[in-house]
Amino acid sequence: FRLSPVFMKNFYLKVGFALFGPRIMTTNFSNFGIVTVPKGMEEHIDHFEFMLGSTPNSMLNCGTVTFGNIINVTFACVSEAVNVQRHFFKFLSEQGIHIRIQSNIQTETFMEAL
């Protein structure tokens, strides 16, 4: 596939997506990158958020964006299970990285799961 011309790769990728589409996807990850703003605005902005919406076919999506010294990681999930999120943040914490978790799920069970 590596030596194939780009037009052939594009053709086969389009055919593959038409045949299988999002049915075979389980997770999406997108990194918006580092956000910069004009001088003088930094002091008025705490952080940015970048969120990928979830779909029935893509159960868990993750988006990241960086502003200043804060990397914001956002998960969107159609399931109530938080295993992936728990393992992700536990790993960061074990690496000595300071984390702060915010959630729109307001149950004690959810916070205990993390």
N, C-alpha and C. Protein backbone atom coordinates (compact mmCIF):
# COMPACT_ATOMS: atom_id res chain seq x y z
N PHE A 1 0.83 -1.19 0.00
CA PHE A 1 0.00 0.00 0.00
C PHE A 1 0.87 1.25 0.00
N ARG A 2 2.06 1.12 0.59
CA ARG A 2 2.96 2.27 0.71
C ARG A 2 3.45 2.77 -0.65
N LEU A 3 3.67 1.87 -1.57
CA LEU A 3 4.19 2.25 -2.88
C LEU A 3 3.10 2.61 -3.88
N SER A 4 1.85 2.45 -3.48
CA SER A 4 0.73 2.77 -4.37
C SER A 4 0.61 4.27 -4.58
N PRO A 5 0.20 4.68 -5.78
CA PRO A 5 -0.04 6.10 -6.03
C PRO A 5 -1.18 6.62 -5.14
N VAL A 6 -1.14 7.89 -4.82
CA VAL A 6 -2.11 8.49 -3.92
C VAL A 6 -3.54 8.32 -4.43
N PHE A 7 -3.76 8.46 -5.75
CA PHE A 7 -5.12 8.34 -6.27
C PHE A 7 -5.68 6.94 -6.03
N MET A 8 -4.82 5.91 -6.05
CA MET A 8 -5.28 4.55 -5.77
C MET A 8 -5.60 4.39 -4.28
N LYS A 9 -4.76 4.95 -3.43
CA LYS A 9 -5.01 4.88 -1.99
C LYS A 9 -6.34 5.55 -1.66
N ASN A 10 -6.55 6.74 -2.23
CA ASN A 10 -7.80 7.47 -1.99
C ASN A 10 -9.00 6.66 -2.45
N PHE A 11 -8.89 6.02 -3.60
CA PHE A 11 -9.98 5.21 -4.12
C PHE A 11 -10.31 4.06 -3.16
N TYR A 12 -9.29 3.31 -2.75
CA TYR A 12 -9.53 2.16 -1.88
C TYR A 12 -10.02 2.58 -0.49
N LEU A 13 -9.54 3.70 0.01
CA LEU A 13 -10.03 4.19 1.30
C LEU A 13 -11.50 4.59 1.20
N LYS A 14 -11.88 5.23 0.10
CA LYS A 14 -13.29 5.61 -0.09
C LYS A 14 -14.18 4.38 -0.22
N VAL A 15 -13.72 3.38 -0.95
CA VAL A 15 -14.49 2.15 -1.09
C VAL A 15 -14.62 1.46 0.27
N GLY A 16 -13.53 1.39 1.01
CA GLY A 16 -13.56 0.78 2.34
C GLY A 16 -14.52 1.49 3.27
N PHE A 17 -14.49 2.80 3.25
CA PHE A 17 -15.40 3.56 4.11
C PHE A 17 -16.85 3.37 3.67
N ALA A 18 -17.09 3.32 2.35
CA ALA A 18 -18.45 3.11 1.86
C ALA A 18 -18.98 1.74 2.28
N LEU A 19 -18.11 0.74 2.28
CA LEU A 19 -18.53 -0.61 2.66
C LEU A 19 -18.71 -0.78 4.16
N PHE A 20 -17.78 -0.24 4.93
CA PHE A 20 -17.77 -0.50 6.37
C PHE A 20 -18.11 0.74 7.20
N GLY A 21 -17.76 1.91 6.68
CA GLY A 21 -18.08 3.18 7.32
C GLY A 21 -17.78 3.20 8.80
N PRO A 22 -18.57 3.94 9.53
CA PRO A 22 -18.31 4.09 10.96
C PRO A 22 -18.67 2.85 11.77
N ARG A 23 -19.22 1.82 11.13
CA ARG A 23 -19.61 0.62 11.87
C ARG A 23 -18.42 -0.04 12.56
N ILE A 24 -17.23 0.09 11.98
CA ILE A 24 -16.08 -0.60 12.56
C ILE A 24 -15.28 0.29 13.51
N MET A 25 -15.69 1.54 13.66
CA MET A 25 -15.00 2.44 14.59
C MET A 25 -15.56 2.28 15.99
N THR A 26 -14.68 2.30 16.97
CA THR A 26 -15.14 2.26 18.35
C THR A 26 -14.76 3.52 19.10
N THR A 27 -13.67 4.16 18.69
CA THR A 27 -13.16 5.33 19.40
C THR A 27 -12.52 6.29 18.41
N ASN A 28 -12.67 7.56 18.68
CA ASN A 28 -11.98 8.61 17.91
C ASN A 28 -11.15 9.44 18.86
N PHE A 29 -9.99 9.87 18.38
CA PHE A 29 -9.14 10.78 19.15
C PHE A 29 -8.69 11.89 18.22
N SER A 30 -8.80 13.13 18.70
CA SER A 30 -8.33 14.26 17.91
C SER A 30 -7.63 15.26 18.81
N ASN A 31 -6.47 15.72 18.37
CA ASN A 31 -5.69 16.70 19.11
C ASN A 31 -5.76 18.03 18.37
N PHE A 32 -6.44 18.99 18.95
CA PHE A 32 -6.57 20.31 18.33
C PHE A 32 -5.22 21.02 18.27
N GLY A 33 -4.35 20.69 19.22
CA GLY A 33 -3.02 21.28 19.24
C GLY A 33 -2.90 22.41 20.24
N ILE A 34 -1.92 23.25 20.03
CA ILE A 34 -1.64 24.38 20.92
C ILE A 34 -2.39 25.61 20.41
N VAL A 35 -3.18 26.19 21.29
CA VAL A 35 -3.93 27.40 20.93
C VAL A 35 -3.15 28.62 21.40
N THR A 36 -3.00 29.57 20.52
CA THR A 36 -2.38 30.85 20.90
C THR A 36 -3.40 31.96 20.64
N VAL A 37 -3.32 32.98 21.43
CA VAL A 37 -4.22 34.12 21.29
C VAL A 37 -3.38 35.38 21.23
N PRO A 38 -3.94 36.47 20.71
CA PRO A 38 -3.18 37.73 20.66
C PRO A 38 -2.74 38.17 22.05
N LYS A 39 -1.61 38.85 22.10
CA LYS A 39 -1.10 39.36 23.37
C LYS A 39 -2.16 40.21 24.06
N GLY A 40 -2.22 40.10 25.37
CA GLY A 40 -3.19 40.84 26.15
C GLY A 40 -4.46 40.05 26.42
N MET A 41 -4.72 39.02 25.62
CA MET A 41 -5.92 38.21 25.85
C MET A 41 -5.65 37.06 26.81
N GLU A 42 -4.38 36.62 26.92
CA GLU A 42 -4.05 35.46 27.74
C GLU A 42 -4.57 35.59 29.16
N GLU A 43 -4.47 36.78 29.73
CA GLU A 43 -4.86 36.99 31.12
C GLU A 43 -6.37 36.85 31.33
N HIS A 44 -7.15 36.88 30.26
CA HIS A 44 -8.60 36.79 30.36
C HIS A 44 -9.12 35.38 30.09
N ILE A 45 -8.22 34.48 29.72
CA ILE A 45 -8.63 33.12 29.34
C ILE A 45 -7.99 32.12 30.29
N ASP A 46 -8.82 31.27 30.87
CA ASP A 46 -8.33 30.23 31.79
C ASP A 46 -7.89 29.00 31.02
N HIS A 47 -8.74 28.50 30.14
CA HIS A 47 -8.43 27.30 29.36
C HIS A 47 -9.38 27.21 28.17
N PHE A 48 -9.06 26.31 27.26
CA PHE A 48 -9.92 26.00 26.13
C PHE A 48 -10.37 24.56 26.27
N GLU A 49 -11.51 24.25 25.68
CA GLU A 49 -12.01 22.89 25.64
C GLU A 49 -12.28 22.51 24.20
N PHE A 50 -12.00 21.26 23.88
CA PHE A 50 -12.23 20.73 22.54
C PHE A 50 -12.93 19.39 22.70
N MET A 51 -14.13 19.30 22.19
CA MET A 51 -14.94 18.10 22.43
C MET A 51 -15.44 17.50 21.13
N LEU A 52 -15.26 16.20 21.01
CA LEU A 52 -15.83 15.45 19.91
C LEU A 52 -17.11 14.79 20.42
N GLY A 53 -18.20 15.01 19.75
CA GLY A 53 -19.44 14.38 20.18
C GLY A 53 -19.41 12.89 19.92
N SER A 54 -20.13 12.15 20.73
CA SER A 54 -20.18 10.70 20.54
C SER A 54 -21.33 10.35 19.61
N THR A 55 -21.21 9.18 19.01
CA THR A 55 -22.26 8.67 18.13
C THR A 55 -22.57 7.25 18.56
N PRO A 56 -23.68 6.70 18.13
CA PRO A 56 -23.99 5.31 18.50
C PRO A 56 -22.91 4.32 18.05
N ASN A 57 -22.23 4.63 16.93
CA ASN A 57 -21.20 3.72 16.43
C ASN A 57 -19.84 3.97 17.06
N SER A 58 -19.59 5.15 17.49
CA SER A 58 -18.33 5.51 18.11
C SER A 58 -18.62 5.81 19.58
N MET A 59 -18.49 4.80 20.41
CA MET A 59 -18.95 4.88 21.79
C MET A 59 -18.17 5.86 22.64
N LEU A 60 -16.90 6.03 22.37
CA LEU A 60 -16.05 6.89 23.20
C LEU A 60 -15.17 7.74 22.31
N ASN A 61 -15.23 9.04 22.50
CA ASN A 61 -14.40 9.97 21.73
C ASN A 61 -13.59 10.82 22.69
N CYS A 62 -12.41 11.20 22.25
CA CYS A 62 -11.51 11.97 23.09
C CYS A 62 -10.92 13.11 22.28
N GLY A 63 -10.95 14.31 22.86
CA GLY A 63 -10.36 15.46 22.21
C GLY A 63 -9.41 16.15 23.17
N THR A 64 -8.31 16.67 22.67
CA THR A 64 -7.36 17.40 23.51
C THR A 64 -7.04 18.74 22.88
N VAL A 65 -6.74 19.70 23.74
CA VAL A 65 -6.32 21.03 23.31
C VAL A 65 -5.40 21.59 24.39
N THR A 66 -4.40 22.35 23.98
CA THR A 66 -3.44 22.92 24.92
C THR A 66 -3.47 24.44 24.84
N PHE A 67 -3.50 25.06 26.02
CA PHE A 67 -3.40 26.51 26.11
C PHE A 67 -2.53 26.83 27.31
N GLY A 68 -1.47 27.59 27.10
CA GLY A 68 -0.54 27.87 28.20
C GLY A 68 0.08 26.58 28.68
N ASN A 69 0.01 26.33 29.97
CA ASN A 69 0.58 25.09 30.51
C ASN A 69 -0.50 24.09 30.89
N ILE A 70 -1.69 24.22 30.29
CA ILE A 70 -2.79 23.31 30.58
C ILE A 70 -3.16 22.52 29.33
N ILE A 71 -3.15 21.20 29.48
CA ILE A 71 -3.65 20.32 28.43
C ILE A 71 -5.02 19.86 28.89
N ASN A 72 -6.03 20.15 28.11
CA ASN A 72 -7.40 19.77 28.45
C ASN A 72 -7.76 18.53 27.65
N VAL A 73 -8.15 17.47 28.35
CA VAL A 73 -8.56 16.22 27.73
C VAL A 73 -10.05 16.05 27.99
N THR A 74 -10.82 15.90 26.93
CA THR A 74 -12.27 15.77 27.06
C THR A 74 -12.72 14.44 26.48
N PHE A 75 -13.49 13.70 27.27
CA PHE A 75 -14.08 12.46 26.80
C PHE A 75 -15.58 12.67 26.58
N ALA A 76 -16.09 12.13 25.49
CA ALA A 76 -17.53 12.09 25.24
C ALA A 76 -17.89 10.63 25.04
N CYS A 77 -18.90 10.18 25.78
CA CYS A 77 -19.22 8.75 25.78
C CYS A 77 -20.72 8.55 25.85
N VAL A 78 -21.23 7.57 25.09
CA VAL A 78 -22.65 7.26 25.16
C VAL A 78 -22.93 6.19 26.21
N SER A 79 -21.89 5.63 26.78
CA SER A 79 -22.04 4.60 27.80
C SER A 79 -21.84 5.21 29.19
N GLU A 80 -22.40 4.58 30.19
CA GLU A 80 -22.19 5.03 31.56
C GLU A 80 -20.88 4.49 32.13
N ALA A 81 -20.27 3.53 31.45
CA ALA A 81 -19.01 2.96 31.93
C ALA A 81 -17.89 4.00 31.83
N VAL A 82 -17.05 4.05 32.85
CA VAL A 82 -15.95 5.02 32.87
C VAL A 82 -14.59 4.32 33.02
N ASN A 83 -14.51 3.06 32.63
CA ASN A 83 -13.27 2.31 32.79
C ASN A 83 -12.10 2.93 32.05
N VAL A 84 -12.31 3.32 30.80
CA VAL A 84 -11.22 3.89 30.01
C VAL A 84 -10.75 5.20 30.63
N GLN A 85 -11.70 6.05 30.99
CA GLN A 85 -11.35 7.33 31.60
C GLN A 85 -10.59 7.11 32.92
N ARG A 86 -11.08 6.18 33.73
CA ARG A 86 -10.44 5.91 35.01
C ARG A 86 -8.99 5.46 34.81
N HIS A 87 -8.77 4.52 33.91
CA HIS A 87 -7.41 4.03 33.65
C HIS A 87 -6.52 5.14 33.08
N PHE A 88 -7.07 5.95 32.20
CA PHE A 88 -6.31 7.04 31.60
C PHE A 88 -5.83 8.03 32.67
N PHE A 89 -6.75 8.51 33.50
CA PHE A 89 -6.37 9.49 34.51
C PHE A 89 -5.54 8.88 35.63
N LYS A 90 -5.77 7.62 35.93
CA LYS A 90 -4.94 6.93 36.93
C LYS A 90 -3.51 6.84 36.44
N PHE A 91 -3.33 6.52 35.16
CA PHE A 91 -1.99 6.45 34.59
C PHE A 91 -1.29 7.80 34.68
N LEU A 92 -1.99 8.87 34.30
CA LEU A 92 -1.38 10.21 34.38
C LEU A 92 -0.98 10.54 35.81
N SER A 93 -1.85 10.23 36.75
CA SER A 93 -1.57 10.50 38.16
C SER A 93 -0.36 9.72 38.64
N GLU A 94 -0.25 8.47 38.24
CA GLU A 94 0.89 7.64 38.64
C GLU A 94 2.19 8.15 38.05
N GLN A 95 2.11 8.90 36.96
CA GLN A 95 3.30 9.49 36.35
C GLN A 95 3.70 10.79 37.02
N GLY A 96 2.93 11.19 38.03
CA GLY A 96 3.23 12.43 38.76
C GLY A 96 2.62 13.67 38.13
N ILE A 97 1.72 13.49 37.20
CA ILE A 97 1.08 14.61 36.53
C ILE A 97 -0.12 15.06 37.34
N HIS A 98 -0.19 16.35 37.63
CA HIS A 98 -1.33 16.90 38.37
C HIS A 98 -2.55 16.91 37.46
N ILE A 99 -3.63 16.32 37.94
CA ILE A 99 -4.86 16.30 37.14
C ILE A 99 -6.01 16.90 37.95
N ARG A 100 -6.95 17.47 37.23
CA ARG A 100 -8.19 17.96 37.83
C ARG A 100 -9.32 17.44 36.96
N ILE A 101 -10.25 16.76 37.58
CA ILE A 101 -11.34 16.13 36.83
C ILE A 101 -12.62 16.93 37.02
N GLN A 102 -13.25 17.25 35.90
CA GLN A 102 -14.57 17.87 35.90
C GLN A 102 -15.49 16.95 35.12
N SER A 103 -16.72 16.87 35.54
CA SER A 103 -17.65 15.98 34.85
C SER A 103 -19.05 16.57 34.87
N ASN A 104 -19.82 16.23 33.86
CA ASN A 104 -21.22 16.62 33.87
C ASN A 104 -22.09 15.54 34.50
N ILE A 105 -21.48 14.45 34.94
CA ILE A 105 -22.19 13.40 35.66
C ILE A 105 -22.04 13.71 37.14
N GLN A 106 -23.14 13.94 37.81
CA GLN A 106 -23.10 14.42 39.18
C GLN A 106 -23.44 13.35 40.21
N THR A 107 -22.98 12.13 40.00
CA THR A 107 -23.27 11.10 40.98
C THR A 107 -22.01 10.73 41.74
N GLU A 108 -22.17 10.32 42.98
CA GLU A 108 -21.02 9.89 43.78
C GLU A 108 -20.40 8.64 43.18
N THR A 109 -21.23 7.77 42.61
CA THR A 109 -20.72 6.53 42.03
C THR A 109 -19.74 6.84 40.91
N PHE A 110 -20.04 7.83 40.10
CA PHE A 110 -19.14 8.19 39.01
C PHE A 110 -17.80 8.67 39.55
N MET A 111 -17.81 9.58 40.50
CA MET A 111 -16.57 10.11 41.04
C MET A 111 -15.78 9.04 41.78
N GLU A 112 -16.46 8.12 42.44
CA GLU A 112 -15.77 7.01 43.09
C GLU A 112 -15.12 6.10 42.07
N ALA A 113 -15.77 5.94 40.91
CA ALA A 113 -15.22 5.09 39.86
C ALA A 113 -13.92 5.64 39.31
N LEU A 114 -13.81 6.97 39.32
CA LEU A 114 -12.57 7.57 38.84
C LEU A 114 -11.54 7.51 39.93
